[in-house]
Amino acid sequence: MKIENTKAQMRKGVLEYCILSILKDDDAYVAEILETLKDAKMLVVEGTIYPLLTRLKNAGLLSYRWEESTSGPPRKYYGLTETGKLFLKELNGTWDELRNAVNLVTKQKKK
């Protein structure tokens, strides 16, 4: 069994939560979202993020708007809907519970 496969699956499992968290304060376009994920060492490619953003939009968690760019074509900015904000709030609680449970099971101290 290759460790890289397991690591990739763990990242995929939290990617939706991370994207919603990135958008909690400000709208962002895909390049900004990818850069934030990259800075956090969550390596994601555009081919992965576009279908996820579409799924989140179709679920009513995200909306988007087009904005003209001074350096190229218009950009699609994504933001949380009210439903998305409530969903993220629930995920925050679930993440805290999950992190605490994993820390207990793996005997790691809570930070």
C-alpha atoms as a PDB file:
ATOM      1  CA  MET A   1       0.000   0.000   0.000  1.00  0.00           C
ATOM      2  CA  LYS A   2       1.392   3.381  -0.996  1.00  0.00           C
ATOM      3  CA  ILE A   3       1.339   6.170   1.565  1.00  0.00           C
ATOM      4  CA  GLU A   4       0.759   8.801  -1.142  1.00  0.00           C
ATOM      5  CA  ASN A   5      -2.641   7.288  -1.983  1.00  0.00           C
ATOM      6  CA  THR A   6      -3.754   7.488   1.639  1.00  0.00           C
ATOM      7  CA  LYS A   7      -2.476  11.053   1.959  1.00  0.00           C
ATOM      8  CA  ALA A   8      -4.365  12.066  -1.188  1.00  0.00           C
ATOM      9  CA  GLN A   9      -7.586  10.525   0.125  1.00  0.00           C
ATOM     10  CA  MET A  10      -7.210  12.362   3.434  1.00  0.00           C
ATOM     11  CA  ARG A  11      -6.746  15.672   1.586  1.00  0.00           C
ATOM     12  CA  LYS A  12      -9.760  15.035  -0.646  1.00  0.00           C
ATOM     13  CA  GLY A  13     -11.859  14.365   2.435  1.00  0.00           C
ATOM     14  CA  VAL A  14     -11.299  17.871   3.805  1.00  0.00           C
ATOM     15  CA  LEU A  15     -11.052  19.829   0.553  1.00  0.00           C
ATOM     16  CA  GLU A  16     -14.705  20.899   0.516  1.00  0.00           C
ATOM     17  CA  TYR A  17     -14.414  22.195   4.075  1.00  0.00           C
ATOM     18  CA  CYS A  18     -11.208  24.069   3.219  1.00  0.00           C
ATOM     19  CA  ILE A  19     -12.748  25.742   0.166  1.00  0.00           C
ATOM     20  CA  LEU A  20     -15.790  26.885   2.109  1.00  0.00           C
ATOM     21  CA  SER A  21     -13.489  28.199   4.844  1.00  0.00           C
ATOM     22  CA  ILE A  22     -11.404  30.143   2.317  1.00  0.00           C
ATOM     23  CA  LEU A  23     -14.574  31.856   1.092  1.00  0.00           C
ATOM     24  CA  LYS A  24     -16.009  32.644   4.523  1.00  0.00           C
ATOM     25  CA  ASP A  25     -14.819  36.264   4.589  1.00  0.00           C
ATOM     26  CA  ASP A  26     -14.344  37.277   0.959  1.00  0.00           C
ATOM     27  CA  ASP A  27     -15.243  36.140  -2.524  1.00  0.00           C
ATOM     28  CA  ALA A  28     -12.351  34.677  -4.499  1.00  0.00           C
ATOM     29  CA  TYR A  29     -11.609  33.390  -7.968  1.00  0.00           C
ATOM     30  CA  VAL A  30     -10.120  29.985  -8.682  1.00  0.00           C
ATOM     31  CA  ALA A  31      -6.493  31.119  -8.883  1.00  0.00           C
ATOM     32  CA  GLU A  32      -6.788  32.729  -5.427  1.00  0.00           C
ATOM     33  CA  ILE A  33      -8.402  29.618  -3.973  1.00  0.00           C
ATOM     34  CA  LEU A  34      -5.690  27.412  -5.464  1.00  0.00           C
ATOM     35  CA  GLU A  35      -2.945  29.722  -4.168  1.00  0.00           C
ATOM     36  CA  THR A  36      -4.378  29.624  -0.638  1.00  0.00           C
ATOM     37  CA  LEU A  37      -4.559  25.827  -0.767  1.00  0.00           C
ATOM     38  CA  LYS A  38      -1.018  25.641  -2.162  1.00  0.00           C
ATOM     39  CA  ASP A  39       0.301  27.908   0.610  1.00  0.00           C
ATOM     40  CA  ALA A  40      -1.274  25.506   3.117  1.00  0.00           C
ATOM     41  CA  LYS A  41       0.465  22.534   1.415  1.00  0.00           C
ATOM     42  CA  MET A  42      -2.865  21.222   0.080  1.00  0.00           C
ATOM     43  CA  LEU A  43      -1.832  20.430  -3.454  1.00  0.00           C
ATOM     44  CA  VAL A  44      -4.860  20.674  -5.716  1.00  0.00           C
ATOM     45  CA  VAL A  45      -5.068  21.093  -9.479  1.00  0.00           C
ATOM     46  CA  GLU A  46      -7.637  23.066 -11.457  1.00  0.00           C
ATOM     47  CA  GLY A  47      -9.133  19.864 -12.823  1.00  0.00           C
ATOM     48  CA  THR A  48     -10.090  18.884  -9.281  1.00  0.00           C
ATOM     49  CA  ILE A  49     -11.388  22.203  -8.052  1.00  0.00           C
ATOM     50  CA  TYR A  50     -13.739  23.164 -10.888  1.00  0.00           C
ATOM     51  CA  PRO A  51     -16.066  20.152 -10.519  1.00  0.00           C
ATOM     52  CA  LEU A  52     -16.097  20.646  -6.740  1.00  0.00           C
ATOM     53  CA  LEU A  53     -17.001  24.336  -7.067  1.00  0.00           C
ATOM     54  CA  THR A  54     -19.783  23.426  -9.498  1.00  0.00           C
ATOM     55  CA  ARG A  55     -21.116  20.797  -7.096  1.00  0.00           C
ATOM     56  CA  LEU A  56     -21.056  23.279  -4.187  1.00  0.00           C
ATOM     57  CA  LYS A  57     -22.817  25.883  -6.350  1.00  0.00           C
ATOM     58  CA  ASN A  58     -25.460  23.372  -7.452  1.00  0.00           C
ATOM     59  CA  ALA A  59     -26.014  22.462  -3.806  1.00  0.00           C
ATOM     60  CA  GLY A  60     -26.784  26.106  -3.063  1.00  0.00           C
ATOM     61  CA  LEU A  61     -23.690  26.660  -0.910  1.00  0.00           C
ATOM     62  CA  LEU A  62     -21.865  28.954  -3.340  1.00  0.00           C
ATOM     63  CA  SER A  63     -22.824  31.687  -5.742  1.00  0.00           C
ATOM     64  CA  TYR A  64     -20.629  33.369  -8.323  1.00  0.00           C
ATOM     65  CA  ARG A  65     -20.313  36.619 -10.194  1.00  0.00           C
ATOM     66  CA  TRP A  66     -18.233  37.714 -13.151  1.00  0.00           C
ATOM     67  CA  GLU A  67     -15.839  40.612 -12.723  1.00  0.00           C
ATOM     68  CA  GLU A  68     -13.766  42.326 -15.379  1.00  0.00           C
ATOM     69  CA  SER A  69     -10.007  41.955 -15.011  1.00  0.00           C
ATOM     70  CA  THR A  70      -7.360  44.486 -15.948  1.00  0.00           C
ATOM     71  CA  SER A  71      -4.974  41.659 -16.828  1.00  0.00           C
ATOM     72  CA  GLY A  72      -6.995  39.319 -19.016  1.00  0.00           C
ATOM     73  CA  PRO A  73     -10.462  37.859 -19.393  1.00  0.00           C
ATOM     74  CA  PRO A  74     -13.239  38.375 -16.819  1.00  0.00           C
ATOM     75  CA  ARG A  75     -12.886  36.364 -13.614  1.00  0.00           C
ATOM     76  CA  LYS A  76     -15.529  34.257 -11.940  1.00  0.00           C
ATOM     77  CA  TYR A  77     -15.613  35.079  -8.234  1.00  0.00           C
ATOM     78  CA  TYR A  78     -17.149  32.540  -5.862  1.00  0.00           C
ATOM     79  CA  GLY A  79     -18.710  33.378  -2.517  1.00  0.00           C
ATOM     80  CA  LEU A  80     -20.734  31.687   0.189  1.00  0.00           C
ATOM     81  CA  THR A  81     -24.505  31.929   0.114  1.00  0.00           C
ATOM     82  CA  GLU A  82     -26.442  32.239   3.372  1.00  0.00           C
ATOM     83  CA  THR A  83     -27.027  28.483   3.160  1.00  0.00           C
ATOM     84  CA  GLY A  84     -23.279  28.031   2.624  1.00  0.00           C
ATOM     85  CA  LYS A  85     -22.504  30.087   5.729  1.00  0.00           C
ATOM     86  CA  LEU A  86     -24.827  27.934   7.834  1.00  0.00           C
ATOM     87  CA  PHE A  87     -23.370  24.774   6.308  1.00  0.00           C
ATOM     88  CA  LEU A  88     -19.832  25.953   7.120  1.00  0.00           C
ATOM     89  CA  LYS A  89     -20.860  26.720  10.689  1.00  0.00           C
ATOM     90  CA  GLU A  90     -22.071  23.118  11.060  1.00  0.00           C
ATOM     91  CA  LEU A  91     -18.874  21.810   9.478  1.00  0.00           C
ATOM     92  CA  ASN A  92     -16.790  23.850  11.935  1.00  0.00           C
ATOM     93  CA  GLY A  93     -18.436  22.026  14.832  1.00  0.00           C
ATOM     94  CA  THR A  94     -18.044  18.673  13.117  1.00  0.00           C
ATOM     95  CA  TRP A  95     -14.381  19.391  12.376  1.00  0.00           C
ATOM     96  CA  ASP A  96     -13.716  20.236  16.036  1.00  0.00           C
ATOM     97  CA  GLU A  97     -15.368  16.993  17.147  1.00  0.00           C
ATOM     98  CA  LEU A  98     -13.498  14.946  14.559  1.00  0.00           C
ATOM     99  CA  ARG A  99     -10.143  16.549  15.333  1.00  0.00           C
ATOM    100  CA  ASN A 100     -10.630  15.937  19.058  1.00  0.00           C
ATOM    101  CA  ALA A 101     -11.653  12.318  18.445  1.00  0.00           C
ATOM    102  CA  VAL A 102      -8.661  11.656  16.188  1.00  0.00           C
ATOM    103  CA  ASN A 103      -6.332  13.290  18.705  1.00  0.00           C
ATOM    104  CA  LEU A 104      -7.716  11.066  21.459  1.00  0.00           C
ATOM    105  CA  VAL A 105      -7.418   7.917  19.389  1.00  0.00           C
ATOM    106  CA  THR A 106      -3.908   8.741  18.197  1.00  0.00           C
ATOM    107  CA  LYS A 107      -2.927  10.087  21.637  1.00  0.00           C
ATOM    108  CA  GLN A 108      -1.996  13.545  20.362  1.00  0.00           C
ATOM    109  CA  LYS A 109      -2.409  16.606  22.515  1.00  0.00           C
ATOM    110  CA  LYS A 110      -5.105  19.139  21.637  1.00  0.00           C
ATOM    111  CA  LYS A 111      -3.667  22.386  20.282  1.00  0.00           C
END
